[in-house]
Amino acid sequence: MEKPYILHLFTPMAQASPFDINMAYDAGYDGVVPYTHVEPEQVAALTQDTIFSRGPKGAKRTGIFIGGRDNGLAADMLDAAREAMVPPFEVSVFADPSGAFTTAAAMVAAVEKHLKKVHATNLKGKTVMIVGCSGPVGAAAAVLASQAGAKVGIVGREESSRARLTAEDCNRRYGTHVELVEANTEALKLAMMLQADVVLATARAGHRVVTKELLAAASRLLVAADVNAVPPSGIEGVGPMDDGAPLAAGSPKAVGIGALAVGNIKYQTQRGLLETMLKAEKPVYLDMRDAFTEARKHAGVA
């Protein structure tokens, strides 16, 4: 009798994400076991309890998912799990804190899709402004857009210390060249929009960060994308279902991408990576770069 597929979900948070648990079951896992309040120094022991209990054959039917809300912490926990493996006792590991890696990957891939489809171009050399960027999605999107060749600005809208720390952490950890863009006055916000080829809104749910007045100033804008599905939208005039819809304000060539259009690619991306773990003959270690590769497939730009 074949052993069941089991996914162990490690999170430093007080609760595991129901979204991640649902996704894992729908991808084909027979059981998903959450572990909350997990500290980084506990990951090695939990990993070794996972790998030694089922034998090498059972290890192929076992996985670890790392959640939470901190990108750097999730990356460190993935590294700790990898270092704790003792081949041939080794299982696959997938980090996706708060869904940030797969959401950011889907967002950037969707932008690539419409840059190619509408404007016959790509991210290389484009100026990407990320607004509402102090959370995990904005930070991950900054890394992915920079690695795709864009000039990325993390926008500090009111108090800029968090945005500065986010940019510095991206650059230190991933070798990117993300910059802080000060926009704590209306004049600076307008100046920021005048520079933008792409605007990404990654603010918390129900929080508008780009008004129609700011959008009207974006004379060179090509694509605006928003991940906020809770009214009001993060970008005024971009609806949740928009998938390359022309914008009513700003550059006449600009198109908008809404949260549900991004979410469709995100869903396919997370499910695809979970299925990759299930089918892998050898252990895989999946992070935001793998999420971007997967998202680009589902966006049609691979």
C-alpha atoms as a PDB file:
ATOM      1  CA  MET A   1       0.000   0.000   0.000  1.00  0.00           C
ATOM      2  CA  GLU A   2       1.397   3.388  -1.013  1.00  0.00           C
ATOM      3  CA  LYS A   3       2.046   5.850   1.769  1.00  0.00           C
ATOM      4  CA  PRO A   4      -0.112   8.996   1.768  1.00  0.00           C
ATOM      5  CA  TYR A   5       1.187  12.374   0.632  1.00  0.00           C
ATOM      6  CA  ILE A   6       1.789  14.545   3.707  1.00  0.00           C
ATOM      7  CA  LEU A   7       2.645  18.243   3.789  1.00  0.00           C
ATOM      8  CA  HIS A   8       4.065  19.745   6.984  1.00  0.00           C
ATOM      9  CA  LEU A   9       3.338  23.492   7.172  1.00  0.00           C
ATOM     10  CA  PHE A  10       5.772  25.526   9.285  1.00  0.00           C
ATOM     11  CA  THR A  11       4.831  29.102  10.181  1.00  0.00           C
ATOM     12  CA  PRO A  12       6.174  31.575  12.746  1.00  0.00           C
ATOM     13  CA  MET A  13       2.663  33.037  12.995  1.00  0.00           C
ATOM     14  CA  ALA A  14       0.004  32.176  15.573  1.00  0.00           C
ATOM     15  CA  GLN A  15      -2.153  30.591  12.859  1.00  0.00           C
ATOM     16  CA  ALA A  16      -1.524  28.746   9.633  1.00  0.00           C
ATOM     17  CA  SER A  17      -3.114  30.205   6.511  1.00  0.00           C
ATOM     18  CA  PRO A  18      -6.406  28.488   5.542  1.00  0.00           C
ATOM     19  CA  PHE A  19      -5.647  29.532   1.938  1.00  0.00           C
ATOM     20  CA  ASP A  20      -2.406  27.521   1.929  1.00  0.00           C
ATOM     21  CA  ILE A  21      -4.071  24.522   3.546  1.00  0.00           C
ATOM     22  CA  ASN A  22      -6.894  24.527   0.977  1.00  0.00           C
ATOM     23  CA  MET A  23      -4.403  24.874  -1.868  1.00  0.00           C
ATOM     24  CA  ALA A  24      -2.340  21.935  -0.626  1.00  0.00           C
ATOM     25  CA  TYR A  25      -5.319  19.612  -0.385  1.00  0.00           C
ATOM     26  CA  ASP A  26      -6.585  20.700  -3.801  1.00  0.00           C
ATOM     27  CA  ALA A  27      -3.132  20.070  -5.296  1.00  0.00           C
ATOM     28  CA  GLY A  28      -3.305  16.450  -4.137  1.00  0.00           C
ATOM     29  CA  TYR A  29      -1.876  16.151  -0.614  1.00  0.00           C
ATOM     30  CA  ASP A  30      -3.704  13.602   1.516  1.00  0.00           C
ATOM     31  CA  GLY A  31      -2.878  15.378   4.773  1.00  0.00           C
ATOM     32  CA  VAL A  32      -1.657  18.847   5.751  1.00  0.00           C
ATOM     33  CA  VAL A  33      -0.278  19.351   9.265  1.00  0.00           C
ATOM     34  CA  PRO A  34       0.277  22.936  10.530  1.00  0.00           C
ATOM     35  CA  TYR A  35       2.951  23.899  13.073  1.00  0.00           C
ATOM     36  CA  THR A  36       2.573  27.439  14.458  1.00  0.00           C
ATOM     37  CA  HIS A  37       4.928  29.766  16.370  1.00  0.00           C
ATOM     38  CA  VAL A  38       7.882  28.002  14.714  1.00  0.00           C
ATOM     39  CA  GLU A  39      11.186  29.758  15.428  1.00  0.00           C
ATOM     40  CA  PRO A  40      14.051  29.541  12.892  1.00  0.00           C
ATOM     41  CA  GLU A  41      16.187  27.532  15.315  1.00  0.00           C
ATOM     42  CA  GLN A  42      13.439  24.900  15.523  1.00  0.00           C
ATOM     43  CA  VAL A  43      13.334  24.243  11.775  1.00  0.00           C
ATOM     44  CA  ALA A  44      16.269  21.800  11.699  1.00  0.00           C
ATOM     45  CA  ALA A  45      14.796  19.524  14.380  1.00  0.00           C
ATOM     46  CA  LEU A  46      11.320  19.588  12.817  1.00  0.00           C
ATOM     47  CA  THR A  47      12.819  18.844   9.406  1.00  0.00           C
ATOM     48  CA  GLN A  48      14.779  15.867  10.676  1.00  0.00           C
ATOM     49  CA  ASP A  49      11.704  14.511  12.453  1.00  0.00           C
ATOM     50  CA  THR A  50      10.012  14.781   9.067  1.00  0.00           C
ATOM     51  CA  ILE A  51      12.683  13.056   6.969  1.00  0.00           C
ATOM     52  CA  PHE A  52      13.671  10.145   9.215  1.00  0.00           C
ATOM     53  CA  SER A  53      10.181   8.873  10.038  1.00  0.00           C
ATOM     54  CA  ARG A  54       9.172   7.540   6.602  1.00  0.00           C
ATOM     55  CA  GLY A  55      12.364   6.233   4.966  1.00  0.00           C
ATOM     56  CA  PRO A  56      13.773   7.401   1.629  1.00  0.00           C
ATOM     57  CA  LYS A  57      10.788   6.138  -0.353  1.00  0.00           C
ATOM     58  CA  GLY A  58       8.303   7.803   1.970  1.00  0.00           C
ATOM     59  CA  ALA A  59      10.324  11.016   1.827  1.00  0.00           C
ATOM     60  CA  LYS A  60       9.289  11.380  -1.831  1.00  0.00           C
ATOM     61  CA  ARG A  61       5.691  11.553  -0.629  1.00  0.00           C
ATOM     62  CA  THR A  62       6.437  14.147   2.051  1.00  0.00           C
ATOM     63  CA  GLY A  63       6.869  17.912   1.781  1.00  0.00           C
ATOM     64  CA  ILE A  64       7.447  21.015   3.883  1.00  0.00           C
ATOM     65  CA  PHE A  65       5.713  24.349   3.256  1.00  0.00           C
ATOM     66  CA  ILE A  66       7.017  27.515   4.930  1.00  0.00           C
ATOM     67  CA  GLY A  67       4.566  30.337   5.561  1.00  0.00           C
ATOM     68  CA  GLY A  68       4.523  33.443   7.735  1.00  0.00           C
ATOM     69  CA  ARG A  69       4.598  37.120   6.773  1.00  0.00           C
ATOM     70  CA  ASP A  70       8.312  37.892   6.550  1.00  0.00           C
ATOM     71  CA  ASN A  71      10.121  37.219   3.270  1.00  0.00           C
ATOM     72  CA  GLY A  72      13.610  37.152   4.756  1.00  0.00           C
ATOM     73  CA  LEU A  73      12.577  34.906   7.625  1.00  0.00           C
ATOM     74  CA  ALA A  74      10.893  32.477   5.208  1.00  0.00           C
ATOM     75  CA  ALA A  75      14.034  32.384   3.048  1.00  0.00           C
ATOM     76  CA  ASP A  76      16.146  31.703   6.152  1.00  0.00           C
ATOM     77  CA  MET A  77      13.794  28.923   7.246  1.00  0.00           C
ATOM     78  CA  LEU A  78      13.984  27.337   3.786  1.00  0.00           C
ATOM     79  CA  ASP A  79      17.787  27.411   3.997  1.00  0.00           C
ATOM     80  CA  ALA A  80      17.663  25.901   7.499  1.00  0.00           C
ATOM     81  CA  ALA A  81      15.437  23.063   6.247  1.00  0.00           C
ATOM     82  CA  ARG A  82      17.740  22.410   3.285  1.00  0.00           C
ATOM     83  CA  GLU A  83      20.809  22.283   5.529  1.00  0.00           C
ATOM     84  CA  ALA A  84      19.082  19.816   7.880  1.00  0.00           C
ATOM     85  CA  MET A  85      18.574  17.189   5.160  1.00  0.00           C
ATOM     86  CA  VAL A  86      20.590  13.956   5.344  1.00  0.00           C
ATOM     87  CA  PRO A  87      20.456  12.337   1.873  1.00  0.00           C
ATOM     88  CA  PRO A  88      18.880   9.974   0.946  1.00  0.00           C
ATOM     89  CA  PHE A  89      16.506  11.208   3.653  1.00  0.00           C
ATOM     90  CA  GLU A  90      15.417  14.412   1.943  1.00  0.00           C
ATOM     91  CA  VAL A  91      12.051  16.053   1.191  1.00  0.00           C
ATOM     92  CA  SER A  92      10.910  18.968  -0.972  1.00  0.00           C
ATOM     93  CA  VAL A  93      10.461  22.432   0.567  1.00  0.00           C
ATOM     94  CA  PHE A  94       8.409  25.380  -0.694  1.00  0.00           C
ATOM     95  CA  ALA A  95       8.510  28.866   0.886  1.00  0.00           C
ATOM     96  CA  ASP A  96       5.643  31.282   0.206  1.00  0.00           C
ATOM     97  CA  PRO A  97       5.164  33.651   3.181  1.00  0.00           C
ATOM     98  CA  SER A  98       1.650  35.062   3.234  1.00  0.00           C
ATOM     99  CA  GLY A  99       1.428  34.017  -0.421  1.00  0.00           C
ATOM    100  CA  ALA A 100       3.818  36.870  -1.183  1.00  0.00           C
ATOM    101  CA  PHE A 101       6.191  34.982  -3.463  1.00  0.00           C
ATOM    102  CA  THR A 102       3.449  33.573  -5.689  1.00  0.00           C
ATOM    103  CA  THR A 103       1.388  36.810  -5.645  1.00  0.00           C
ATOM    104  CA  ALA A 104       4.373  38.998  -6.529  1.00  0.00           C
ATOM    105  CA  ALA A 105       5.437  36.530  -9.209  1.00  0.00           C
ATOM    106  CA  ALA A 106       1.931  36.572 -10.696  1.00  0.00           C
ATOM    107  CA  MET A 107       1.813  40.374 -10.622  1.00  0.00           C
ATOM    108  CA  VAL A 108       5.153  40.873 -12.355  1.00  0.00           C
ATOM    109  CA  ALA A 109       4.389  38.124 -14.882  1.00  0.00           C
ATOM    110  CA  ALA A 110       1.028  39.764 -15.670  1.00  0.00           C
ATOM    111  CA  VAL A 111       2.838  43.059 -16.282  1.00  0.00           C
ATOM    112  CA  GLU A 112       5.269  41.270 -18.596  1.00  0.00           C
ATOM    113  CA  LYS A 113       2.308  39.765 -20.456  1.00  0.00           C
ATOM    114  CA  HIS A 114       0.757  43.151 -21.220  1.00  0.00           C
ATOM    115  CA  LEU A 115       4.027  44.906 -21.919  1.00  0.00           C
ATOM    116  CA  LYS A 116       4.573  42.274 -24.596  1.00  0.00           C
ATOM    117  CA  LYS A 117       0.982  42.094 -25.870  1.00  0.00           C
ATOM    118  CA  VAL A 118       0.105  45.800 -25.917  1.00  0.00           C
ATOM    119  CA  HIS A 119       3.481  47.507 -26.229  1.00  0.00           C
ATOM    120  CA  ALA A 120       5.763  44.873 -27.839  1.00  0.00           C
ATOM    121  CA  THR A 121       8.360  45.345 -25.093  1.00  0.00           C
ATOM    122  CA  ASN A 122       9.505  43.929 -21.740  1.00  0.00           C
ATOM    123  CA  LEU A 123      10.683  45.061 -18.302  1.00  0.00           C
ATOM    124  CA  LYS A 124      14.309  45.626 -19.236  1.00  0.00           C
ATOM    125  CA  GLY A 125      15.194  49.263 -18.673  1.00  0.00           C
ATOM    126  CA  LYS A 126      11.670  50.224 -17.588  1.00  0.00           C
ATOM    127  CA  THR A 127      11.101  52.348 -14.491  1.00  0.00           C
ATOM    128  CA  VAL A 128       8.856  50.454 -12.067  1.00  0.00           C
ATOM    129  CA  MET A 129       7.386  52.298  -9.084  1.00  0.00           C
ATOM    130  CA  ILE A 130       6.028  50.135  -6.259  1.00  0.00           C
ATOM    131  CA  VAL A 131       3.543  51.944  -4.033  1.00  0.00           C
ATOM    132  CA  GLY A 132       2.396  50.539  -0.696  1.00  0.00           C
ATOM    133  CA  CYS A 133       5.481  48.398  -0.651  1.00  0.00           C
ATOM    134  CA  SER A 134       6.420  47.797   2.981  1.00  0.00           C
ATOM    135  CA  GLY A 135       4.641  44.405   3.076  1.00  0.00           C
ATOM    136  CA  PRO A 136       5.930  41.093   1.721  1.00  0.00           C
ATOM    137  CA  VAL A 137       4.269  41.306  -1.720  1.00  0.00           C
ATOM    138  CA  GLY A 138       5.819  44.675  -2.542  1.00  0.00           C
ATOM    139  CA  ALA A 139       9.257  43.558  -1.419  1.00  0.00           C
ATOM    140  CA  ALA A 140       9.088  40.364  -3.482  1.00  0.00           C
ATOM    141  CA  ALA A 141       7.797  42.255  -6.534  1.00  0.00           C
ATOM    142  CA  ALA A 142      10.706  44.688  -6.199  1.00  0.00           C
ATOM    143  CA  VAL A 143      13.211  41.844  -6.275  1.00  0.00           C
ATOM    144  CA  LEU A 144      11.598  40.098  -9.245  1.00  0.00           C
ATOM    145  CA  ALA A 145      11.187  43.254 -11.329  1.00  0.00           C
ATOM    146  CA  SER A 146      14.799  44.254 -10.623  1.00  0.00           C
ATOM    147  CA  GLN A 147      16.069  40.810 -11.573  1.00  0.00           C
ATOM    148  CA  ALA A 148      14.062  41.112 -14.810  1.00  0.00           C
ATOM    149  CA  GLY A 149      16.065  44.225 -15.709  1.00  0.00           C
ATOM    150  CA  ALA A 150      13.791  47.019 -14.497  1.00  0.00           C
ATOM    151  CA  LYS A 151      14.850  50.133 -12.603  1.00  0.00           C
ATOM    152  CA  VAL A 152      12.824  49.713  -9.424  1.00  0.00           C
ATOM    153  CA  GLY A 153      11.766  52.386  -6.959  1.00  0.00           C
ATOM    154  CA  ILE A 154      10.145  51.561  -3.626  1.00  0.00           C
ATOM    155  CA  VAL A 155       7.983  54.575  -2.861  1.00  0.00           C
ATOM    156  CA  GLY A 156       8.055  56.114   0.614  1.00  0.00           C
ATOM    157  CA  ARG A 157       4.748  57.971   0.725  1.00  0.00           C
ATOM    158  CA  GLU A 158       4.464  59.294   4.281  1.00  0.00           C
ATOM    159  CA  GLU A 159       7.206  58.195   6.664  1.00  0.00           C
ATOM    160  CA  SER A 160       9.888  56.609   4.492  1.00  0.00           C
ATOM    161  CA  SER A 161      11.942  54.604   7.000  1.00  0.00           C
ATOM    162  CA  ARG A 162      10.074  51.330   6.341  1.00  0.00           C
ATOM    163  CA  ALA A 163      10.410  51.767   2.592  1.00  0.00           C
ATOM    164  CA  ARG A 164      14.130  52.476   3.011  1.00  0.00           C
ATOM    165  CA  LEU A 165      14.611  49.351   5.144  1.00  0.00           C
ATOM    166  CA  THR A 166      12.687  47.278   2.577  1.00  0.00           C
ATOM    167  CA  ALA A 167      14.909  48.512  -0.264  1.00  0.00           C
ATOM    168  CA  GLU A 168      18.078  47.912   1.741  1.00  0.00           C
ATOM    169  CA  ASP A 169      17.002  44.389   2.702  1.00  0.00           C
ATOM    170  CA  CYS A 170      16.163  43.502  -0.927  1.00  0.00           C
ATOM    171  CA  ASN A 171      19.567  44.726  -2.085  1.00  0.00           C
ATOM    172  CA  ARG A 172      21.513  43.045   0.693  1.00  0.00           C
ATOM    173  CA  ARG A 173      19.806  39.677   0.392  1.00  0.00           C
ATOM    174  CA  TYR A 174      19.334  39.410  -3.378  1.00  0.00           C
ATOM    175  CA  GLY A 175      21.970  41.713  -4.871  1.00  0.00           C
ATOM    176  CA  THR A 176      19.364  43.939  -6.521  1.00  0.00           C
ATOM    177  CA  HIS A 177      19.536  47.697  -7.124  1.00  0.00           C
ATOM    178  CA  VAL A 178      16.198  48.755  -5.666  1.00  0.00           C
ATOM    179  CA  GLU A 179      16.046  52.438  -4.706  1.00  0.00           C
ATOM    180  CA  LEU A 180      13.989  54.439  -2.237  1.00  0.00           C
ATOM    181  CA  VAL A 181      11.829  57.101  -3.916  1.00  0.00           C
ATOM    182  CA  GLU A 182      10.674  59.832  -1.548  1.00  0.00           C
ATOM    183  CA  ALA A 183       7.034  60.804  -2.178  1.00  0.00           C
ATOM    184  CA  ASN A 184       5.838  62.358   1.067  1.00  0.00           C
ATOM    185  CA  THR A 185       4.435  65.505  -0.567  1.00  0.00           C
ATOM    186  CA  GLU A 186       1.990  65.968  -3.430  1.00  0.00           C
ATOM    187  CA  ALA A 187       4.742  67.458  -5.582  1.00  0.00           C
ATOM    188  CA  LEU A 188       7.008  64.457  -5.001  1.00  0.00           C
ATOM    189  CA  LYS A 189       4.147  62.033  -5.688  1.00  0.00           C
ATOM    190  CA  LEU A 190       3.503  63.749  -9.020  1.00  0.00           C
ATOM    191  CA  ALA A 191       7.212  63.656  -9.841  1.00  0.00           C
ATOM    192  CA  MET A 192       7.281  59.939  -9.051  1.00  0.00           C
ATOM    193  CA  MET A 193       4.364  59.271 -11.400  1.00  0.00           C
ATOM    194  CA  LEU A 194       5.992  61.283 -14.186  1.00  0.00           C
ATOM    195  CA  GLN A 195       8.949  58.863 -14.129  1.00  0.00           C
ATOM    196  CA  ALA A 196       6.904  55.652 -14.107  1.00  0.00           C
ATOM    197  CA  ASP A 197       6.606  53.217 -16.988  1.00  0.00           C
ATOM    198  CA  VAL A 198       4.956  50.695 -14.664  1.00  0.00           C
ATOM    199  CA  VAL A 199       3.141  51.263 -11.368  1.00  0.00           C
ATOM    200  CA  LEU A 200       2.514  48.380  -8.964  1.00  0.00           C
ATOM    201  CA  ALA A 201       0.121  48.942  -6.053  1.00  0.00           C
ATOM    202  CA  THR A 202       0.809  46.440  -3.267  1.00  0.00           C
ATOM    203  CA  ALA A 203      -0.834  48.200  -0.322  1.00  0.00           C
ATOM    204  CA  ARG A 204      -2.963  46.511   2.324  1.00  0.00           C
ATOM    205  CA  ALA A 205      -6.562  45.590   1.501  1.00  0.00           C
ATOM    206  CA  GLY A 206      -8.958  48.491   1.091  1.00  0.00           C
ATOM    207  CA  HIS A 207      -6.233  51.143   0.975  1.00  0.00           C
ATOM    208  CA  ARG A 208      -6.013  53.427  -2.083  1.00  0.00           C
ATOM    209  CA  VAL A 209      -2.471  54.573  -2.904  1.00  0.00           C
ATOM    210  CA  VAL A 210      -2.867  55.961  -6.448  1.00  0.00           C
ATOM    211  CA  THR A 211      -5.658  58.458  -7.129  1.00  0.00           C
ATOM    212  CA  LYS A 212      -7.014  59.435 -10.530  1.00  0.00           C
ATOM    213  CA  GLU A 213      -5.166  62.760 -10.175  1.00  0.00           C
ATOM    214  CA  LEU A 214      -1.844  60.952  -9.745  1.00  0.00           C
ATOM    215  CA  LEU A 215      -2.699  58.596 -12.588  1.00  0.00           C
ATOM    216  CA  ALA A 216      -3.437  61.576 -14.847  1.00  0.00           C
ATOM    217  CA  ALA A 217       0.140  62.782 -14.286  1.00  0.00           C
ATOM    218  CA  ALA A 218       1.669  59.514 -15.509  1.00  0.00           C
ATOM    219  CA  SER A 219       2.304  60.595 -19.072  1.00  0.00           C
ATOM    220  CA  ARG A 220       4.703  57.748 -19.934  1.00  0.00           C
ATOM    221  CA  LEU A 221       2.822  54.979 -18.104  1.00  0.00           C
ATOM    222  CA  LEU A 222       2.436  51.649 -19.906  1.00  0.00           C
ATOM    223  CA  VAL A 223       0.932  49.325 -17.265  1.00  0.00           C
ATOM    224  CA  ALA A 224      -0.627  49.797 -13.816  1.00  0.00           C
ATOM    225  CA  ALA A 225      -1.292  46.715 -11.670  1.00  0.00           C
ATOM    226  CA  ASP A 226      -3.092  46.381  -8.338  1.00  0.00           C
ATOM    227  CA  VAL A 227      -3.316  43.432  -5.911  1.00  0.00           C
ATOM    228  CA  ASN A 228      -5.999  44.910  -3.646  1.00  0.00           C
ATOM    229  CA  ALA A 229      -9.306  43.102  -4.173  1.00  0.00           C
ATOM    230  CA  VAL A 230     -11.122  44.901  -1.322  1.00  0.00           C
ATOM    231  CA  PRO A 231     -12.840  48.229  -2.198  1.00  0.00           C
ATOM    232  CA  PRO A 232     -11.620  50.862  -2.676  1.00  0.00           C
ATOM    233  CA  SER A 233      -9.079  49.660  -5.211  1.00  0.00           C
ATOM    234  CA  GLY A 234      -5.416  50.453  -4.693  1.00  0.00           C
ATOM    235  CA  ILE A 235      -5.351  52.313  -8.019  1.00  0.00           C
ATOM    236  CA  GLU A 236      -8.403  54.445  -8.787  1.00  0.00           C
ATOM    237  CA  GLY A 237      -9.955  53.350 -12.054  1.00  0.00           C
ATOM    238  CA  VAL A 238      -8.482  49.820 -12.086  1.00  0.00           C
ATOM    239  CA  GLY A 239     -11.185  47.220 -11.501  1.00  0.00           C
ATOM    240  CA  PRO A 240     -10.494  43.817  -9.917  1.00  0.00           C
ATOM    241  CA  MET A 241     -11.326  41.948 -13.133  1.00  0.00           C
ATOM    242  CA  ASP A 242      -9.319  44.204 -15.457  1.00  0.00           C
ATOM    243  CA  ASP A 243      -6.800  42.280 -17.505  1.00  0.00           C
ATOM    244  CA  GLY A 244      -5.271  44.809 -19.854  1.00  0.00           C
ATOM    245  CA  ALA A 245      -8.199  47.247 -19.834  1.00  0.00           C
ATOM    246  CA  PRO A 246      -7.354  50.781 -21.074  1.00  0.00           C
ATOM    247  CA  LEU A 247      -7.018  53.315 -18.272  1.00  0.00           C
ATOM    248  CA  ALA A 248      -9.406  56.258 -18.199  1.00  0.00           C
ATOM    249  CA  ALA A 249      -6.736  58.675 -16.948  1.00  0.00           C
ATOM    250  CA  GLY A 250      -3.077  59.284 -17.693  1.00  0.00           C
ATOM    251  CA  SER A 251      -1.214  57.993 -20.700  1.00  0.00           C
ATOM    252  CA  PRO A 252      -3.600  56.990 -23.544  1.00  0.00           C
ATOM    253  CA  LYS A 253      -1.515  53.865 -24.154  1.00  0.00           C
ATOM    254  CA  ALA A 254      -1.623  52.596 -20.544  1.00  0.00           C
ATOM    255  CA  VAL A 255      -3.550  49.498 -19.473  1.00  0.00           C
ATOM    256  CA  GLY A 256      -4.637  48.251 -16.055  1.00  0.00           C
ATOM    257  CA  ILE A 257      -4.429  44.869 -14.346  1.00  0.00           C
ATOM    258  CA  GLY A 258      -6.726  44.193 -11.396  1.00  0.00           C
ATOM    259  CA  ALA A 259      -6.406  42.016  -8.325  1.00  0.00           C
ATOM    260  CA  LEU A 260      -8.497  39.102  -9.577  1.00  0.00           C
ATOM    261  CA  ALA A 261      -6.574  38.919 -12.854  1.00  0.00           C
ATOM    262  CA  VAL A 262      -3.362  38.731 -10.825  1.00  0.00           C
ATOM    263  CA  GLY A 263      -5.024  36.293  -8.432  1.00  0.00           C
ATOM    264  CA  ASN A 264      -5.884  33.879 -11.228  1.00  0.00           C
ATOM    265  CA  ILE A 265      -2.204  33.571 -12.157  1.00  0.00           C
ATOM    266  CA  LYS A 266      -1.222  33.412  -8.470  1.00  0.00           C
ATOM    267  CA  TYR A 267      -3.619  30.505  -7.886  1.00  0.00           C
ATOM    268  CA  GLN A 268      -2.255  28.562 -10.845  1.00  0.00           C
ATOM    269  CA  THR A 269       1.299  29.317  -9.753  1.00  0.00           C
ATOM    270  CA  GLN A 270       0.911  28.105  -6.177  1.00  0.00           C
ATOM    271  CA  ARG A 271      -0.970  25.008  -7.263  1.00  0.00           C
ATOM    272  CA  GLY A 272       1.637  24.306  -9.949  1.00  0.00           C
ATOM    273  CA  LEU A 273       4.512  24.468  -7.453  1.00  0.00           C
ATOM    274  CA  LEU A 274       2.684  22.239  -4.972  1.00  0.00           C
ATOM    275  CA  GLU A 275       2.115  19.738  -7.772  1.00  0.00           C
ATOM    276  CA  THR A 276       5.809  19.995  -8.677  1.00  0.00           C
ATOM    277  CA  MET A 277       6.637  18.864  -5.147  1.00  0.00           C
ATOM    278  CA  LEU A 278       4.210  15.965  -5.403  1.00  0.00           C
ATOM    279  CA  LYS A 279       5.631  14.733  -8.702  1.00  0.00           C
ATOM    280  CA  ALA A 280       9.339  15.353  -8.117  1.00  0.00           C
ATOM    281  CA  GLU A 281      11.582  12.295  -8.227  1.00  0.00           C
ATOM    282  CA  LYS A 282      14.299  14.282  -6.471  1.00  0.00           C
ATOM    283  CA  PRO A 283      13.717  16.893  -3.755  1.00  0.00           C
ATOM    284  CA  VAL A 284      13.128  20.469  -4.910  1.00  0.00           C
ATOM    285  CA  TYR A 285      13.561  23.723  -2.993  1.00  0.00           C
ATOM    286  CA  LEU A 286      11.166  26.398  -4.212  1.00  0.00           C
ATOM    287  CA  ASP A 287      11.307  30.141  -3.554  1.00  0.00           C
ATOM    288  CA  MET A 288      10.233  33.366  -5.282  1.00  0.00           C
ATOM    289  CA  ARG A 289      12.447  32.731  -8.312  1.00  0.00           C
ATOM    290  CA  ASP A 290      10.739  29.392  -8.931  1.00  0.00           C
ATOM    291  CA  ALA A 291       7.380  31.097  -8.400  1.00  0.00           C
ATOM    292  CA  PHE A 292       8.263  33.624 -11.107  1.00  0.00           C
ATOM    293  CA  THR A 293       9.276  30.891 -13.554  1.00  0.00           C
ATOM    294  CA  GLU A 294       5.955  29.141 -12.909  1.00  0.00           C
ATOM    295  CA  ALA A 295       3.911  32.357 -13.093  1.00  0.00           C
ATOM    296  CA  ARG A 296       5.459  33.320 -16.410  1.00  0.00           C
ATOM    297  CA  LYS A 297       4.244  29.986 -17.839  1.00  0.00           C
ATOM    298  CA  HIS A 298       0.683  30.683 -16.747  1.00  0.00           C
ATOM    299  CA  ALA A 299       0.855  34.284 -18.004  1.00  0.00           C
ATOM    300  CA  GLY A 300       2.033  33.064 -21.407  1.00  0.00           C
ATOM    301  CA  VAL A 301       5.404  34.828 -21.363  1.00  0.00           C
ATOM    302  CA  ALA A 302       7.714  31.886 -20.557  1.00  0.00           C
END
